Protein backbone atom coordinates (compact mmCIF):
# COMPACT_ATOMS: atom_id res chain seq x y z
CA MET A 1 0.00 0.00 0.00
CA SER A 2 1.44 3.36 -1.04
CA LEU A 3 1.64 6.11 1.57
CA SER A 4 -0.05 9.45 0.99
CA PRO A 5 2.43 12.28 0.37
CA ILE A 6 3.22 14.60 3.27
CA GLU A 7 1.84 18.07 2.61
CA ARG A 8 3.95 21.17 3.29
CA THR A 9 3.47 24.81 2.41
CA VAL A 10 6.15 26.78 0.60
CA PHE A 11 6.25 30.55 0.23
CA VAL A 12 8.20 32.08 -2.67
CA VAL A 13 8.85 35.73 -1.85
CA SER A 14 10.44 38.28 -4.16
CA ASP A 15 10.69 42.01 -4.75
CA SER A 16 10.22 41.32 -8.48
CA THR A 17 8.37 38.59 -10.38
CA GLY A 18 9.46 35.68 -8.19
CA ILE A 19 10.25 33.55 -11.24
CA THR A 20 13.88 32.97 -10.23
CA ALA A 21 13.01 31.88 -6.69
CA GLU A 22 10.13 29.73 -7.93
CA THR A 23 12.34 27.95 -10.47
CA PHE A 24 15.05 27.31 -7.89
CA SER A 25 12.55 26.09 -5.28
CA HIS A 26 10.97 23.70 -7.76
CA SER A 27 14.36 22.22 -8.67
CA VAL A 28 15.33 21.69 -5.04
CA LEU A 29 11.97 20.43 -3.77
CA SER A 30 11.64 17.94 -6.63
CA GLN A 31 14.27 15.90 -4.77
CA PHE A 32 11.77 15.19 -1.99
CA ALA A 33 9.24 12.98 -3.75
CA GLN A 34 7.58 11.86 -0.52
CA PHE A 35 6.25 15.38 0.02
CA GLU A 36 3.53 17.34 -1.76
CA PHE A 37 4.33 21.03 -1.69
CA GLU A 38 1.77 23.80 -2.00
CA ALA A 39 3.68 26.76 -3.39
CA ILE A 40 2.46 30.29 -2.72
CA ARG A 41 4.25 32.91 -4.82
CA ILE A 42 4.23 36.45 -3.42
CA PRO A 43 5.90 38.86 -5.87
CA PHE A 44 6.64 42.61 -5.77
CA ILE A 45 7.41 42.90 -2.04
CA ASP A 46 9.10 46.27 -2.29
CA THR A 47 8.15 48.09 0.92
CA ILE A 48 8.61 47.44 4.64
CA GLU A 49 4.83 47.36 5.06
CA LYS A 50 4.46 44.61 2.46
CA ALA A 51 7.26 42.63 4.08
CA GLU A 52 5.56 42.86 7.48
CA SER A 53 2.28 41.71 5.93
CA VAL A 54 4.00 38.68 4.40
CA ALA A 55 5.68 37.85 7.73
CA ALA A 56 2.28 37.94 9.45
CA ARG A 57 0.84 35.65 6.78
CA ILE A 58 3.69 33.18 7.26
CA ASN A 59 3.13 33.20 11.03
CA ARG A 60 -0.58 32.49 10.55
CA CYS A 61 0.25 29.60 8.23
CA ALA A 62 2.67 28.14 10.78
CA GLN A 63 0.07 28.42 13.54
CA GLU A 64 -2.76 26.91 11.48
CA GLN A 65 -0.68 24.00 10.18
CA GLY A 66 1.31 23.35 13.32
CA GLN A 67 4.65 23.51 11.50
CA PRO A 68 6.77 26.30 10.01
CA PRO A 69 6.55 26.66 6.22
CA LEU A 70 9.54 26.83 3.92
CA VAL A 71 10.29 30.29 2.53
CA PHE A 72 12.42 30.84 -0.58
CA SER A 73 13.40 34.50 -0.91
CA THR A 74 15.14 36.60 -3.53
CA LEU A 75 14.58 39.88 -1.66
CA VAL A 76 17.41 42.30 -2.37
CA ASP A 77 16.79 44.69 0.52
CA PRO A 78 18.37 43.17 3.67
CA LYS A 79 15.86 44.96 5.93
CA MET A 80 12.89 43.32 4.24
CA ALA A 81 14.69 39.97 4.15
CA HIS A 82 15.35 40.31 7.89
CA ILE A 83 11.68 41.01 8.64
CA ILE A 84 10.50 37.89 6.82
CA GLY A 85 13.42 35.83 8.12
CA LYS A 86 12.26 36.49 11.71
CA ALA A 87 8.87 34.90 10.98
CA ASN A 88 8.14 31.34 12.10
CA CYS A 89 9.61 29.62 9.04
CA THR A 90 12.62 27.97 7.50
CA PHE A 91 14.03 30.96 5.66
CA LEU A 92 16.16 30.38 2.57
CA ASP A 93 17.77 33.65 1.46
CA LEU A 94 18.84 32.87 -2.11
CA PHE A 95 20.05 36.39 -2.82
CA GLY A 96 22.02 37.03 0.35
CA ALA A 97 23.57 33.57 0.41
CA PHE A 98 25.38 34.17 -2.87
CA VAL A 99 25.86 37.92 -3.08
CA ARG A 100 28.07 38.14 0.02
CA HIS A 101 30.50 35.58 -1.42
CA ILE A 102 30.54 37.28 -4.84
CA GLU A 103 31.14 40.70 -3.26
CA ARG A 104 34.22 39.29 -1.48
CA ALA A 105 35.44 37.60 -4.66
CA LEU A 106 35.03 40.71 -6.82
CA GLY A 107 36.08 43.21 -4.16
CA VAL A 108 33.05 45.44 -4.73
CA LYS A 109 29.58 45.86 -3.27
CA SER A 110 26.55 44.85 -5.33
CA SER A 111 24.09 47.53 -6.45
CA ARG A 112 21.21 46.01 -4.42
CA SER A 113 18.84 47.20 -7.15
CA VAL A 114 15.32 45.82 -6.77
CA GLY A 115 14.00 43.90 -9.79
CA ARG A 116 17.20 44.38 -11.78
CA SER A 117 17.34 40.85 -13.21
CA HIS A 118 13.92 41.23 -14.88
CA SER A 119 14.09 44.90 -15.78
CA ALA A 120 13.85 45.88 -19.43
CA GLY A 121 15.42 49.24 -18.72
CA THR A 122 18.69 47.83 -17.43
CA SER A 123 19.50 46.17 -20.74
CA ASN A 124 17.32 47.42 -23.54
CA LYS A 125 19.37 45.62 -26.16
CA ARG A 126 18.98 42.20 -24.53
CA TYR A 127 15.29 42.80 -23.86
CA ASN A 128 14.64 43.92 -27.43
CA ASN A 129 16.53 40.88 -28.72
CA ARG A 130 14.15 38.63 -26.80
CA ILE A 131 11.07 40.39 -28.19
CA GLU A 132 12.50 40.21 -31.72
CA ALA A 133 13.24 36.50 -31.30
CA ILE A 134 9.71 35.80 -30.04
CA ASN A 135 8.18 37.61 -33.01
CA PHE A 136 10.48 35.71 -35.36
CA SER A 137 9.55 32.33 -33.86
CA LEU A 138 5.84 33.09 -34.02
CA ALA A 139 6.10 34.16 -37.65
CA HIS A 140 8.12 31.08 -38.59
CA ASP A 141 6.06 28.50 -36.73
CA ASP A 142 5.21 25.24 -38.49
CA GLY A 143 6.73 26.37 -41.79
CA GLN A 144 4.00 28.96 -42.34
CA TYR A 145 6.45 31.68 -43.41
CA VAL A 146 9.71 30.78 -45.17
CA ASN A 147 11.06 34.23 -45.99
CA GLY A 148 13.82 35.29 -43.63
CA LEU A 149 14.99 31.82 -42.66
CA GLU A 150 18.54 33.01 -43.24
CA GLN A 151 18.12 35.02 -40.01
CA ALA A 152 17.31 31.92 -37.95
CA ASP A 153 19.77 30.75 -35.32
CA VAL A 154 18.25 27.27 -35.53
CA ILE A 155 15.50 25.56 -37.51
CA LEU A 156 13.77 22.70 -35.70
CA VAL A 157 12.45 19.86 -37.86
CA GLY A 158 10.35 16.83 -37.03
CA VAL A 159 6.94 15.25 -37.44
CA SER A 160 3.80 17.11 -36.44
CA ARG A 161 3.23 17.39 -32.66
CA CYS A 162 6.68 16.31 -31.53
CA GLY A 163 7.32 19.51 -29.55
CA LYS A 164 8.78 21.91 -32.12
CA THR A 165 6.55 24.92 -31.36
CA PRO A 166 6.90 25.06 -27.55
CA THR A 167 10.65 24.50 -27.84
CA SER A 168 11.00 27.31 -30.39
CA LEU A 169 9.10 29.74 -28.17
CA TYR A 170 11.03 28.73 -25.06
CA LEU A 171 14.34 29.33 -26.83
CA ALA A 172 13.13 32.74 -27.95
CA MET A 173 11.68 33.83 -24.61
CA GLN A 174 14.52 32.58 -22.41
CA TYR A 175 17.58 32.98 -24.63
CA ALA A 176 16.64 35.38 -27.44
CA VAL A 177 17.30 32.61 -29.96
CA LYS A 178 15.59 33.04 -33.31
CA ALA A 179 14.16 29.56 -33.68
CA ALA A 180 12.05 28.61 -36.68
CA ASN A 181 10.37 25.23 -36.98
CA TYR A 182 9.34 23.21 -40.00
CA PRO A 183 7.31 19.99 -40.19
CA LEU A 184 8.50 16.83 -41.90
CA THR A 185 5.56 15.23 -43.71
CA PRO A 186 4.83 11.93 -45.50
CA ASP A 187 5.41 13.75 -48.81
CA ASP A 188 9.00 14.46 -47.75
CA PHE A 189 9.49 10.82 -46.82
CA GLU A 190 8.17 9.65 -50.18
CA ARG A 191 10.64 11.94 -51.95
CA ASP A 192 13.34 10.73 -49.53
CA THR A 193 14.75 14.22 -49.17
CA LEU A 194 14.41 17.35 -47.11
CA PRO A 195 11.94 20.03 -48.23
CA ALA A 196 13.59 22.23 -50.84
CA THR A 197 12.99 25.28 -48.64
CA LEU A 198 15.36 23.88 -46.01
CA LEU A 199 18.21 22.75 -48.22
CA PRO A 200 20.11 26.10 -48.14
CA TYR A 201 20.00 26.04 -44.33
CA ARG A 202 21.10 22.46 -43.69
CA LYS A 203 23.70 23.54 -41.10
CA LYS A 204 21.02 25.29 -39.02
CA LEU A 205 18.77 22.24 -38.74
CA PHE A 206 18.13 20.36 -35.52
CA GLY A 207 15.72 17.45 -35.37
CA LEU A 208 13.16 16.51 -32.74
CA SER A 209 11.61 13.07 -32.53
CA ILE A 210 9.25 11.29 -30.12
CA GLN A 211 8.16 7.76 -29.27
CA PRO A 212 5.30 6.73 -31.60
CA GLU A 213 3.07 5.68 -28.68
CA ARG A 214 3.39 9.09 -27.06
CA LEU A 215 2.89 10.82 -30.40
CA ALA A 216 -0.38 8.91 -30.90
CA GLU A 217 -1.58 10.07 -27.48
CA VAL A 218 -0.77 13.70 -28.27
CA ARG A 219 -2.39 13.60 -31.70
CA ASN A 220 -5.51 11.90 -30.36
CA GLU A 221 -6.06 14.87 -28.07
CA ARG A 222 -6.21 17.07 -31.16
CA ARG A 223 -7.88 14.78 -33.72
CA PRO A 224 -9.27 11.70 -31.95
CA ASN A 225 -9.77 8.46 -33.86
CA SER A 226 -8.23 9.86 -37.03
CA ARG A 227 -5.70 8.25 -39.35
CA TYR A 228 -3.38 11.14 -38.43
CA ALA A 229 -3.47 9.98 -34.79
CA SER A 230 -3.37 6.23 -35.37
CA LEU A 231 -0.47 4.31 -33.91
CA SER A 232 0.42 2.79 -37.29
CA GLN A 233 0.67 6.25 -38.87
CA CYS A 234 2.78 7.51 -35.98
CA LEU A 235 5.08 4.48 -36.18
CA ASN A 236 5.68 5.05 -39.89
CA GLU A 237 6.21 8.81 -39.62
CA VAL A 238 8.63 8.62 -36.70
CA ALA A 239 10.66 5.85 -38.36
CA ASP A 240 10.81 7.75 -41.65
CA ALA A 241 11.71 11.05 -39.96
CA GLU A 242 14.54 9.52 -37.94
CA ARG A 243 15.85 7.72 -41.04
CA LEU A 244 15.82 10.99 -43.00
CA MET A 245 17.61 12.86 -40.21
CA ARG A 246 20.30 10.19 -40.04
CA MET A 247 20.68 10.20 -43.83
CA GLU A 248 21.02 14.00 -43.89
CA ASN A 249 23.36 13.96 -40.86
CA ILE A 250 21.04 16.23 -38.84
CA PRO A 251 21.61 16.18 -35.05
CA TRP A 252 18.43 15.19 -33.24
CA LEU A 253 16.99 13.98 -29.96
CA SER A 254 13.80 12.41 -28.66
CA THR A 255 11.53 14.69 -26.66
CA THR A 256 9.53 11.85 -25.09
CA THR A 257 11.00 11.89 -21.59
CA LYS A 258 12.74 15.26 -21.62
CA SER A 259 11.53 18.58 -20.24
CA ILE A 260 11.49 21.63 -22.47
CA GLU A 261 14.41 22.98 -20.45
CA GLU A 262 16.48 19.86 -21.18
CA ILE A 263 15.59 19.93 -24.87
CA SER A 264 16.51 23.60 -25.19
CA THR A 265 19.80 23.19 -23.33
CA LYS A 266 20.81 20.32 -25.60
CA ILE A 267 19.99 22.38 -28.69
CA LEU A 268 21.96 25.37 -27.42
CA ASP A 269 24.94 23.15 -26.71
CA GLU A 270 24.80 21.37 -30.08
CA ILE A 271 24.56 24.53 -32.18
CA GLY A 272 27.06 26.52 -30.08
CA LEU A 273 24.67 29.11 -28.67
CA ASP A 274 25.23 28.26 -25.00
CA ARG A 275 27.17 31.43 -24.17
CA ARG A 276 25.22 34.43 -22.90
CA LEU A 277 26.34 37.66 -21.21
CA TYR A 278 24.57 38.90 -18.06
């Protein structure tokens, strides 16, 4: 008989969006599979009054549940971090824990600027690059627009519904990578060659594949009981796509058991785009 997971409350507190703290907390807490964590994200804590309100909320949670919650914080202001750290909780100061060591290593004090990591104003060029990449990926989704492919950093290829679109958008949003994607279809397999549109950009191609059984599940959600979603069709398409990618010497990976973060990291590494300035 399997035991029910132990429930614990987690607060993610930030003076900005809270995305950094939430991502870190998820990575760490995923190592404790016997627990079920209820995450409460509280962003934009940028005044003493807000910090005191959060501390009171944490204390109420601890009293109601009979145990102190976990608190992941990326608060820049040490005064606000101190207020929340005094609450009845296990306080994990992600910002302070690292900044003090880096200040000693670099021999300078950090700016302690609230929301700097997510601010468009602090790096307009990098922010604009991300927006431009997102627009590019949207325009070049699923092979719908082929003009401008020479501007692409990478062109993802694979059968329909193998994960090309979400991966393209993730690369654009997180890394400002101009990622186009283009479907491989049964017509391409019959011709036994890449679509003519892609031939000039062979060096930019990266292939995505997927287990046929999983592909059938995904396609059935979109077009149930269709030939398009049948297991036999998926088996044939995946086999033909992987054969074509091998024949054309296109690097590729299976998305079946990988997260979008893992897929994107592998692509960045393969095509040499894994270096970014802060």
